Amino acid sequence: TVSDLNHEILEALFPPPVLPQSPDSQYQRIGGRTGTTFFQTLIHLLKGNIGTGLLGLPLAVRNAGLVLGPLSLFAMGVIAVHCMNLLVRCSHHLSVKMNKPFLDYGEAVQYGMENVSWLRRHSIWGRRIVNLFLIITQLGFCCVYFVFLSDNVKQVVEASNGTTMNCHNNQTAVIVPSFDSRLYMLCFLPAIILLVFTPNLKYLAPLSLVANLTMCGSLVFIYYFCFTNIRYPINLPKVGSASNYPLFFGTAIFAFEGIGVVLPLENKMQNPERFNLVLYLGMGIVTFLYISLGTTGYITFGEAIGGSITLNLPNCWMYQIVKLLYCFGIYITFALQFYVPAEILIPPAVARVSERWGLAVDLLIRTALVLFTCALAILIPQLDLVISLVGSISSSFLALIFPPMLQILTYHNEGLSAWVIIKNSLISVIGFIGFITGTYISITEIIKRNGKLDNLDLNLFQIQ
């Protein structure tokens, strides 16, 4: 099968570390007989990796070039899967060694550091740093969602008076300008605050199912439009400029956002020994979707591609509905992304107050976090730059830098080969270079664009 072939290729390129002879039966899991099936785990893995990042990949391919972009996405997909596999392997090894039933990402890094004598005293900082980057990443996703919702709903509203039934072009009779996208964010603010007040995610399960179905349906229509409107001849640059490649890196690594769900999914499987098959099959599908939509989207819309491909869809009723359905899916997904930082930050704070004030503190922190993400989105209302910045700052550490380092920490005194150390060091260096350059270019572009927007607003004010 394709997944078996991918497994053999990855094993040949990145040979696994030699594990100790401790029996895997000692590694207990939460799932057991009541755990998730192979198919359910696969669906969860796909959901954890497919979001707004997918819709921004056509612009990422434009930044890298029509040939270099897809090749880079494939290479990044291979490395991302390898790093996910490293995280699972290290977690297994450390769980047996520490006699723990389950380790999350932060605990794995903490116990990995305890393997090194001169890091043992500071091992708690390993968990804290991972949790910090998880918080930054998830709140960054929430910022992206604010910008995505405002941009797409604003476009639908402004084109509503001239929306037609003709989906063969992107023209409308009348475009009526409305207020700034940042005011749309403020309009969404009360609804999102009420959403994150949901005490348990199980209450959102029916809406989450509907959201997943609407997002899948929307993607089908987006693919249909791209494949039926590809431009010929294709006169697009095969390789983009070097200055734009860091923006590609940030957007691409943002799209591979699912490493945080790998350990929980593996631990809750009925048959966790089959998780490698889930991982390779699921990430193979994800990488195919990324490359195909990124490439066809760029070919279809060319240099006019927006921060989200939905912004380039025709202003006809069918595709306006597609945009709104995807917005609904993103709105519900906001609560799922928000859950991680809430679970890290809220329990310690609630534990410090009396039971009487526990609920009030809980709701106050939730409200403050949503206000914080909204404020950041208002400060940086450019969707493509927000995605690139979040990916460069936090996703690069979680997906590329920490897992190779964790393997070295975990197996450093168990005969790691020089090849493994060189390979892991190279992956971490690539991630760190992407972090530095991607963050710098993203911030520079944000300053540049905001300066242009301020000058434009000033000129319009003077004209009036």
Protein backbone atom coordinates (compact mmCIF):
# COMPACT_ATOMS: atom_id res chain seq x y z
CA THR A 1 0.00 0.00 0.00
CA VAL A 2 0.93 3.66 -0.29
CA SER A 3 1.25 4.00 3.48
CA ASP A 4 3.53 0.95 3.67
CA LEU A 5 5.70 2.40 0.91
CA ASN A 6 5.89 5.74 2.74
CA HIS A 7 6.82 3.87 5.91
CA GLU A 8 9.68 2.06 4.16
CA ILE A 9 10.96 5.27 2.56
CA LEU A 10 10.90 7.16 5.88
CA GLU A 11 12.58 4.28 7.71
CA ALA A 12 15.31 4.21 5.05
CA LEU A 13 15.86 7.98 5.19
CA PHE A 14 15.54 8.28 8.96
CA PRO A 15 16.40 5.00 10.70
CA PRO A 16 14.70 4.75 14.10
CA PRO A 17 16.76 4.73 17.26
CA VAL A 18 17.59 1.42 18.88
CA LEU A 19 15.06 1.09 21.69
CA PRO A 20 15.86 -0.68 24.95
CA GLN A 21 14.56 -4.18 25.55
CA SER A 22 11.88 -3.04 27.99
CA PRO A 23 8.62 -4.75 27.03
CA ASP A 24 6.08 -2.44 25.40
CA SER A 25 3.35 -4.17 27.39
CA GLN A 26 4.43 -2.08 30.36
CA TYR A 27 3.32 1.03 28.49
CA GLN A 28 -0.29 1.49 29.58
CA ARG A 29 -2.65 3.66 27.61
CA ILE A 30 -5.81 5.55 28.40
CA GLY A 31 -7.72 4.21 25.39
CA GLY A 32 -7.96 0.47 25.97
CA ARG A 33 -11.10 -1.24 24.74
CA THR A 34 -13.06 2.00 24.86
CA GLY A 35 -10.45 3.92 22.88
CA THR A 36 -10.75 5.29 19.38
CA THR A 37 -10.71 3.06 16.34
CA PHE A 38 -8.23 3.27 13.46
CA PHE A 39 -10.67 5.29 11.36
CA GLN A 40 -11.64 7.65 14.20
CA THR A 41 -7.99 8.35 14.98
CA LEU A 42 -7.32 9.02 11.29
CA ILE A 43 -10.20 11.52 11.15
CA HIS A 44 -8.95 13.29 14.29
CA LEU A 45 -5.43 13.50 12.83
CA LEU A 46 -6.77 14.97 9.58
CA LYS A 47 -8.88 17.48 11.52
CA GLY A 48 -5.86 18.48 13.60
CA ASN A 49 -3.87 19.36 10.48
CA ILE A 50 -6.46 20.86 8.13
CA GLY A 51 -7.65 24.38 8.89
CA THR A 52 -6.99 27.92 7.72
CA GLY A 53 -3.36 27.02 6.96
CA LEU A 54 -4.50 24.93 3.99
CA LEU A 55 -6.33 27.91 2.46
CA GLY A 56 -3.20 30.09 2.71
CA LEU A 57 -0.91 27.66 0.86
CA PRO A 58 -1.57 29.02 -2.68
CA LEU A 59 -0.04 32.31 -1.54
CA ALA A 60 2.81 30.36 0.06
CA VAL A 61 3.50 28.62 -3.27
CA ARG A 62 3.53 32.04 -4.95
CA ASN A 63 6.19 33.19 -2.48
CA ALA A 64 8.36 30.11 -3.18
CA GLY A 65 7.66 29.59 -6.89
CA LEU A 66 5.60 27.14 -8.94
CA VAL A 67 8.27 24.41 -8.83
CA LEU A 68 10.18 25.17 -5.63
CA GLY A 69 6.95 25.62 -3.63
CA PRO A 70 5.47 22.11 -4.12
CA LEU A 71 8.90 20.49 -3.73
CA SER A 72 9.44 22.38 -0.48
CA LEU A 73 5.99 21.37 0.79
CA PHE A 74 6.79 17.71 0.09
CA ALA A 75 10.14 17.96 1.89
CA MET A 76 8.54 19.75 4.83
CA GLY A 77 5.83 17.09 4.99
CA VAL A 78 8.43 14.29 5.17
CA ILE A 79 10.36 16.09 7.91
CA ALA A 80 7.18 16.92 9.85
CA VAL A 81 6.05 13.28 9.82
CA HIS A 82 9.50 12.17 10.90
CA CYS A 83 9.45 14.62 13.82
CA MET A 84 5.99 13.40 14.86
CA ASN A 85 7.31 9.85 14.81
CA LEU A 86 10.31 10.88 16.92
CA LEU A 87 8.00 12.44 19.50
CA VAL A 88 5.95 9.23 19.81
CA ARG A 89 9.05 7.03 20.08
CA CYS A 90 10.64 9.19 22.75
CA SER A 91 7.38 9.34 24.70
CA HIS A 92 7.17 5.52 24.68
CA HIS A 93 10.75 5.13 25.86
CA LEU A 94 10.43 7.71 28.64
CA SER A 95 7.05 6.36 29.78
CA VAL A 96 8.54 2.92 30.35
CA LYS A 97 11.63 4.37 31.99
CA MET A 98 9.68 6.65 34.35
CA ASN A 99 6.89 4.08 34.90
CA LYS A 100 4.28 6.59 33.76
CA PRO A 101 1.05 5.60 31.96
CA PHE A 102 1.18 8.59 29.61
CA LEU A 103 3.34 11.62 28.83
CA ASP A 104 2.25 14.76 27.10
CA TYR A 105 4.60 16.86 24.96
CA GLY A 106 5.87 19.00 27.85
CA GLU A 107 6.42 16.05 30.18
CA ALA A 108 8.34 14.19 27.50
CA VAL A 109 10.75 17.11 27.13
CA GLN A 110 11.05 17.44 30.92
CA TYR A 111 11.95 13.77 31.46
CA GLY A 112 14.22 13.85 28.42
CA MET A 113 16.21 16.66 30.03
CA GLU A 114 16.44 14.61 33.24
CA ASN A 115 18.51 12.09 31.26
CA VAL A 116 21.30 14.67 31.03
CA SER A 117 23.04 15.29 34.36
CA TRP A 118 23.82 18.97 33.82
CA LEU A 119 20.24 19.68 32.66
CA ARG A 120 18.48 17.69 35.40
CA ARG A 121 18.17 20.63 37.80
CA HIS A 122 16.47 22.71 35.13
CA SER A 123 14.28 19.99 33.59
CA ILE A 124 11.05 21.63 34.76
CA TRP A 125 11.81 24.46 32.35
CA GLY A 126 11.58 22.00 29.47
CA ARG A 127 7.90 21.45 30.19
CA ARG A 128 7.31 25.14 30.81
CA ILE A 129 8.92 26.17 27.53
CA VAL A 130 6.90 23.61 25.54
CA ASN A 131 3.70 24.76 27.25
CA LEU A 132 4.62 28.37 26.47
CA PHE A 133 5.00 27.60 22.77
CA LEU A 134 1.77 25.59 22.80
CA ILE A 135 -0.01 28.60 24.26
CA ILE A 136 1.56 30.94 21.69
CA THR A 137 0.68 28.59 18.84
CA GLN A 138 -2.93 28.01 19.85
CA LEU A 139 -3.62 31.67 20.63
CA GLY A 140 -1.93 32.48 17.33
CA PHE A 141 -4.42 30.19 15.59
CA CYS A 142 -7.20 32.09 17.34
CA CYS A 143 -5.79 35.40 16.04
CA VAL A 144 -5.76 33.96 12.53
CA TYR A 145 -9.38 32.89 12.96
CA PHE A 146 -10.41 36.44 13.89
CA VAL A 147 -8.75 37.83 10.75
CA PHE A 148 -10.12 35.02 8.55
CA LEU A 149 -13.69 35.52 9.76
CA SER A 150 -13.58 39.29 9.36
CA ASP A 151 -12.00 39.24 5.87
CA ASN A 152 -14.38 36.67 4.44
CA VAL A 153 -17.58 38.01 5.99
CA LYS A 154 -16.60 41.56 4.98
CA GLN A 155 -16.18 40.40 1.37
CA VAL A 156 -19.56 38.64 1.40
CA VAL A 157 -21.33 41.69 2.85
CA GLU A 158 -19.74 44.16 0.43
CA ALA A 159 -20.67 42.03 -2.58
CA SER A 160 -24.14 41.10 -1.37
CA ASN A 161 -25.97 43.75 -3.43
CA GLY A 162 -24.31 42.63 -6.63
CA THR A 163 -24.00 38.90 -6.05
CA THR A 164 -25.11 36.99 -9.14
CA MET A 165 -25.90 33.42 -10.14
CA ASN A 166 -23.03 33.46 -12.64
CA CYS A 167 -20.04 31.62 -11.17
CA HIS A 168 -17.93 31.66 -14.33
CA ASN A 169 -16.25 34.96 -13.54
CA ASN A 170 -15.41 37.08 -10.54
CA GLN A 171 -17.42 40.17 -11.41
CA THR A 172 -20.39 41.69 -9.66
CA ALA A 173 -22.63 44.56 -10.63
CA VAL A 174 -21.96 46.65 -7.54
CA ILE A 175 -19.41 46.48 -4.70
CA VAL A 176 -20.57 48.53 -1.73
CA PRO A 177 -17.68 49.33 0.63
CA SER A 178 -18.47 48.70 4.29
CA PHE A 179 -16.57 49.47 7.44
CA ASP A 180 -13.03 48.33 8.22
CA SER A 181 -12.34 44.63 8.78
CA ARG A 182 -11.22 45.39 12.34
CA LEU A 183 -14.75 46.50 13.20
CA TYR A 184 -15.99 43.13 11.95
CA MET A 185 -13.63 41.53 14.47
CA LEU A 186 -15.28 43.51 17.25
CA CYS A 187 -18.67 42.34 15.99
CA PHE A 188 -17.55 38.72 16.30
CA LEU A 189 -16.09 39.28 19.77
CA PRO A 190 -19.27 38.71 21.90
CA ALA A 191 -20.19 35.53 19.99
CA ILE A 192 -16.68 34.09 20.41
CA ILE A 193 -16.60 34.93 24.13
CA LEU A 194 -19.89 33.09 24.60
CA LEU A 195 -18.50 30.15 22.61
CA VAL A 196 -15.42 29.71 24.83
CA PHE A 197 -17.60 29.84 27.94
CA THR A 198 -18.71 26.30 27.06
CA PRO A 199 -17.65 24.30 30.15
CA ASN A 200 -17.00 21.04 28.33
CA LEU A 201 -16.12 20.38 24.71
CA LYS A 202 -18.54 17.44 24.59
CA TYR A 203 -21.38 19.97 24.43
CA LEU A 204 -19.90 21.24 21.17
CA ALA A 205 -19.58 17.76 19.65
CA PRO A 206 -22.72 17.99 17.46
CA LEU A 207 -21.75 21.46 16.20
CA SER A 208 -18.17 20.28 15.66
CA LEU A 209 -19.44 17.43 13.48
CA VAL A 210 -21.54 19.85 11.44
CA ALA A 211 -18.57 22.22 11.19
CA ASN A 212 -16.33 19.43 9.90
CA LEU A 213 -18.90 18.47 7.27
CA THR A 214 -19.35 22.07 6.11
CA MET A 215 -15.59 22.60 5.85
CA CYS A 216 -15.19 19.37 3.87
CA GLY A 217 -18.01 20.40 1.55
CA SER A 218 -16.47 23.85 1.10
CA LEU A 219 -13.11 22.31 0.20
CA VAL A 220 -14.79 20.16 -2.47
CA PHE A 221 -16.25 23.28 -4.12
CA ILE A 222 -12.90 25.12 -3.86
CA TYR A 223 -11.10 22.22 -5.52
CA TYR A 224 -13.78 22.04 -8.20
CA PHE A 225 -13.40 25.72 -9.05
CA CYS A 226 -9.60 25.49 -9.18
CA PHE A 227 -9.46 22.40 -11.37
CA THR A 228 -12.07 23.77 -13.79
CA ASN A 229 -10.51 27.25 -14.08
CA ILE A 230 -6.79 26.54 -14.46
CA ARG A 231 -5.20 29.14 -16.69
CA TYR A 232 -3.25 28.22 -19.82
CA PRO A 233 -0.53 28.86 -20.70
CA ILE A 234 1.07 28.85 -17.27
CA ASN A 235 3.43 31.81 -17.24
CA LEU A 236 4.35 31.90 -13.58
CA PRO A 237 7.84 32.03 -12.00
CA LYS A 238 9.20 28.59 -11.21
CA VAL A 239 11.29 29.93 -8.29
CA GLY A 240 10.28 32.91 -6.17
CA SER A 241 12.55 35.57 -4.76
CA ALA A 242 14.79 34.68 -1.84
CA SER A 243 13.31 37.48 0.27
CA ASN A 244 9.82 35.89 0.05
CA TYR A 245 10.89 32.35 0.88
CA PRO A 246 10.80 32.92 4.67
CA LEU A 247 7.13 33.90 4.26
CA PHE A 248 6.58 30.57 2.52
CA PHE A 249 8.30 28.77 5.39
CA GLY A 250 6.12 30.44 8.03
CA THR A 251 2.88 29.70 6.18
CA ALA A 252 3.86 26.10 5.37
CA ILE A 253 4.96 25.19 8.90
CA PHE A 254 1.79 26.86 10.23
CA ALA A 255 -0.20 24.48 8.02
CA PHE A 256 1.52 21.43 9.56
CA GLU A 257 -0.05 22.36 12.87
CA GLY A 258 -1.01 18.95 14.23
CA ILE A 259 2.02 17.79 16.22
CA GLY A 260 0.29 18.79 19.45
CA VAL A 261 -2.46 16.18 18.91
CA VAL A 262 -0.13 13.27 18.08
CA LEU A 263 0.52 11.97 21.62
CA PRO A 264 -3.10 12.24 22.86
CA LEU A 265 -4.39 10.47 19.74
CA GLU A 266 -1.82 7.67 19.98
CA ASN A 267 -2.50 7.15 23.66
CA LYS A 268 -6.28 6.89 23.21
CA MET A 269 -6.27 4.32 20.40
CA GLN A 270 -7.71 0.86 20.94
CA ASN A 271 -4.73 -0.59 19.06
CA PRO A 272 -1.93 1.98 19.49
CA GLU A 273 0.57 -0.31 17.77
CA ARG A 274 -1.19 0.69 14.52
CA PHE A 275 -0.67 4.40 15.14
CA ASN A 276 2.35 4.54 12.82
CA LEU A 277 0.08 3.44 9.97
CA VAL A 278 -2.42 6.15 10.95
CA LEU A 279 0.36 8.71 11.07
CA TYR A 280 1.85 7.89 7.67
CA LEU A 281 -1.51 7.49 5.94
CA GLY A 282 -3.04 10.61 7.50
CA MET A 283 -0.05 12.86 6.92
CA GLY A 284 0.31 11.47 3.40
CA ILE A 285 -3.24 12.63 2.69
CA VAL A 286 -2.57 15.97 4.35
CA THR A 287 0.62 16.57 2.35
CA PHE A 288 -1.18 15.65 -0.90
CA LEU A 289 -3.96 18.15 -0.11
CA TYR A 290 -1.42 20.85 0.73
CA ILE A 291 0.57 20.40 -2.48
CA SER A 292 -2.46 20.01 -4.74
CA LEU A 293 -4.45 22.99 -3.44
CA GLY A 294 -1.37 25.18 -3.08
CA THR A 295 -0.29 24.50 -6.65
CA THR A 296 -3.67 24.57 -8.42
CA GLY A 297 -4.79 27.60 -6.41
CA TYR A 298 -1.71 29.55 -7.46
CA ILE A 299 -2.05 28.48 -11.10
CA THR A 300 -5.75 29.44 -11.11
CA PHE A 301 -5.43 32.92 -9.62
CA GLY A 302 -1.79 33.73 -10.33
CA GLU A 303 -0.23 36.78 -8.75
CA ALA A 304 -3.67 37.97 -7.55
CA ILE A 305 -3.95 35.16 -4.98
CA GLY A 306 -5.01 36.38 -1.55
CA GLY A 307 -4.07 35.42 1.98
CA SER A 308 -6.89 32.85 1.84
CA ILE A 309 -8.02 31.28 -1.42
CA THR A 310 -11.64 31.86 -0.37
CA LEU A 311 -11.08 35.59 -0.93
CA ASN A 312 -10.46 34.88 -4.64
CA LEU A 313 -13.64 32.86 -5.24
CA PRO A 314 -16.29 34.41 -7.52
CA ASN A 315 -18.93 36.63 -5.96
CA CYS A 316 -21.81 34.36 -6.93
CA TRP A 317 -24.29 32.90 -4.51
CA MET A 318 -22.83 29.40 -4.52
CA TYR A 319 -19.32 30.50 -3.56
CA GLN A 320 -20.56 33.15 -1.15
CA ILE A 321 -22.32 30.33 0.68
CA VAL A 322 -19.10 28.30 0.55
CA LYS A 323 -17.27 31.16 2.27
CA LEU A 324 -19.93 31.44 4.97
CA LEU A 325 -19.97 27.69 5.58
CA TYR A 326 -16.20 27.63 5.99
CA CYS A 327 -16.49 30.61 8.35
CA PHE A 328 -18.98 28.65 10.46
CA GLY A 329 -16.53 25.74 10.63
CA ILE A 330 -13.71 28.07 11.68
CA TYR A 331 -15.93 29.71 14.30
CA ILE A 332 -16.65 26.36 15.97
CA THR A 333 -12.99 25.31 15.64
CA PHE A 334 -12.02 28.43 17.60
CA ALA A 335 -13.26 26.73 20.78
CA LEU A 336 -11.18 23.62 20.06
CA GLN A 337 -7.99 25.62 19.51
CA PHE A 338 -8.74 27.74 22.58
CA TYR A 339 -9.09 24.62 24.75
CA VAL A 340 -5.32 23.95 24.95
CA PRO A 341 -4.18 27.31 26.40
CA ALA A 342 -7.26 27.40 28.64
CA GLU A 343 -6.38 24.00 30.13
CA ILE A 344 -2.80 25.11 30.74
CA LEU A 345 -3.51 28.54 32.26
CA ILE A 346 -6.86 28.30 34.04
CA PRO A 347 -6.49 25.36 36.53
CA PRO A 348 -3.43 26.83 38.33
CA ALA A 349 -5.18 30.19 38.61
CA VAL A 350 -8.43 28.69 39.92
CA ALA A 351 -6.49 26.63 42.46
CA ARG A 352 -5.20 29.85 44.04
CA VAL A 353 -8.66 31.20 44.92
CA SER A 354 -11.50 29.89 47.04
CA GLU A 355 -14.14 27.64 45.51
CA ARG A 356 -16.61 30.49 45.70
CA TRP A 357 -14.60 32.54 43.20
CA GLY A 358 -13.47 29.65 41.02
CA LEU A 359 -16.09 30.06 38.28
CA ALA A 360 -15.65 33.84 38.17
CA VAL A 361 -11.87 33.52 37.76
CA ASP A 362 -12.35 30.85 35.08
CA LEU A 363 -14.70 33.04 33.01
CA LEU A 364 -12.54 36.12 33.55
CA ILE A 365 -9.41 34.41 32.21
CA ARG A 366 -11.32 33.06 29.22
CA THR A 367 -12.64 36.52 28.44
CA ALA A 368 -9.19 38.09 28.86
CA LEU A 369 -7.59 35.55 26.50
CA VAL A 370 -10.22 36.16 23.81
CA LEU A 371 -9.81 39.93 24.18
CA PHE A 372 -6.05 39.49 23.89
CA THR A 373 -6.30 37.48 20.67
CA CYS A 374 -8.79 39.96 19.24
CA ALA A 375 -6.50 42.88 20.09
CA LEU A 376 -3.56 41.20 18.35
CA ALA A 377 -5.71 40.50 15.29
CA ILE A 378 -6.78 44.16 15.20
CA LEU A 379 -3.14 45.26 15.39
CA ILE A 380 -2.15 42.88 12.56
CA PRO A 381 -5.18 42.55 10.24
CA GLN A 382 -3.24 41.01 7.33
CA LEU A 383 -4.17 37.33 7.15
CA ASP A 384 -1.13 36.08 5.24
CA LEU A 385 1.33 37.86 7.54
CA VAL A 386 -0.40 36.69 10.72
CA ILE A 387 -0.22 33.08 9.50
CA SER A 388 3.46 33.42 8.55
CA LEU A 389 4.36 35.12 11.84
CA VAL A 390 2.62 32.52 14.03
CA GLY A 391 4.16 29.69 12.02
CA SER A 392 7.65 31.16 12.17
CA ILE A 393 7.61 31.96 15.89
CA SER A 394 5.98 28.95 17.48
CA SER A 395 5.14 26.18 15.02
CA SER A 396 8.80 25.94 13.93
CA PHE A 397 9.84 25.10 17.51
CA LEU A 398 7.10 22.57 18.18
CA ALA A 399 7.23 20.83 14.80
CA LEU A 400 10.91 21.00 13.81
CA ILE A 401 13.23 22.04 16.64
CA PHE A 402 12.07 20.27 19.81
CA PRO A 403 11.47 16.68 18.54
CA PRO A 404 15.01 16.11 17.14
CA MET A 405 16.52 17.64 20.26
CA LEU A 406 14.29 15.42 22.40
CA GLN A 407 15.61 12.29 20.68
CA ILE A 408 19.20 13.32 21.39
CA LEU A 409 18.34 14.00 25.05
CA THR A 410 16.42 10.74 25.42
CA TYR A 411 18.98 8.39 23.86
CA HIS A 412 22.24 10.32 24.35
CA ASN A 413 23.71 7.68 26.68
CA GLU A 414 22.36 4.68 24.75
CA GLY A 415 24.61 4.67 21.72
CA LEU A 416 23.14 7.17 19.26
CA SER A 417 24.95 7.00 15.94
CA ALA A 418 26.77 10.03 14.56
CA TRP A 419 24.38 10.01 11.58
CA VAL A 420 21.34 10.42 13.85
CA ILE A 421 22.98 13.29 15.75
CA ILE A 422 23.97 15.05 12.50
CA LYS A 423 20.52 14.52 10.98
CA ASN A 424 18.71 15.79 14.08
CA SER A 425 21.02 18.77 14.41
CA LEU A 426 20.42 19.65 10.76
CA ILE A 427 16.62 19.54 11.17
CA SER A 428 16.80 21.73 14.27
CA VAL A 429 19.12 24.22 12.53
CA ILE A 430 16.74 24.42 9.55
CA GLY A 431 13.87 25.08 11.95
CA PHE A 432 15.84 27.74 13.81
CA ILE A 433 16.89 29.51 10.59
CA GLY A 434 13.25 29.46 9.49
CA PHE A 435 12.25 30.90 12.86
CA ILE A 436 14.76 33.78 12.61
CA THR A 437 14.23 34.69 8.95
CA GLY A 438 10.48 34.07 8.92
CA THR A 439 9.88 36.17 12.02
CA TYR A 440 12.08 39.00 10.75
CA ILE A 441 10.52 39.15 7.27
CA SER A 442 6.97 38.84 8.65
CA ILE A 443 7.46 41.69 11.13
CA THR A 444 9.14 43.83 8.47
CA GLU A 445 6.24 43.29 6.06
CA ILE A 446 3.70 44.01 8.81
CA ILE A 447 5.38 47.34 9.57
CA LYS A 448 5.62 48.18 5.87
CA ARG A 449 1.97 47.36 5.09
CA ASN A 450 0.61 49.10 8.16
CA GLY A 451 2.61 52.18 7.20
CA LYS A 452 1.02 52.14 3.74
CA LEU A 453 -2.44 51.68 5.23
CA ASP A 454 -1.94 54.64 7.58
CA ASN A 455 -0.81 56.83 4.66
CA LEU A 456 -3.81 55.71 2.61
CA ASP A 457 -6.22 56.51 5.43
CA LEU A 458 -4.59 59.92 5.87
CA ASN A 459 -4.87 60.71 2.15
CA LEU A 460 -8.53 59.71 2.10
CA PHE A 461 -9.20 61.89 5.11
CA GLN A 462 -7.51 64.88 3.42
CA ILE A 463 -9.52 64.32 0.22
CA GLN A 464 -12.75 64.31 2.17
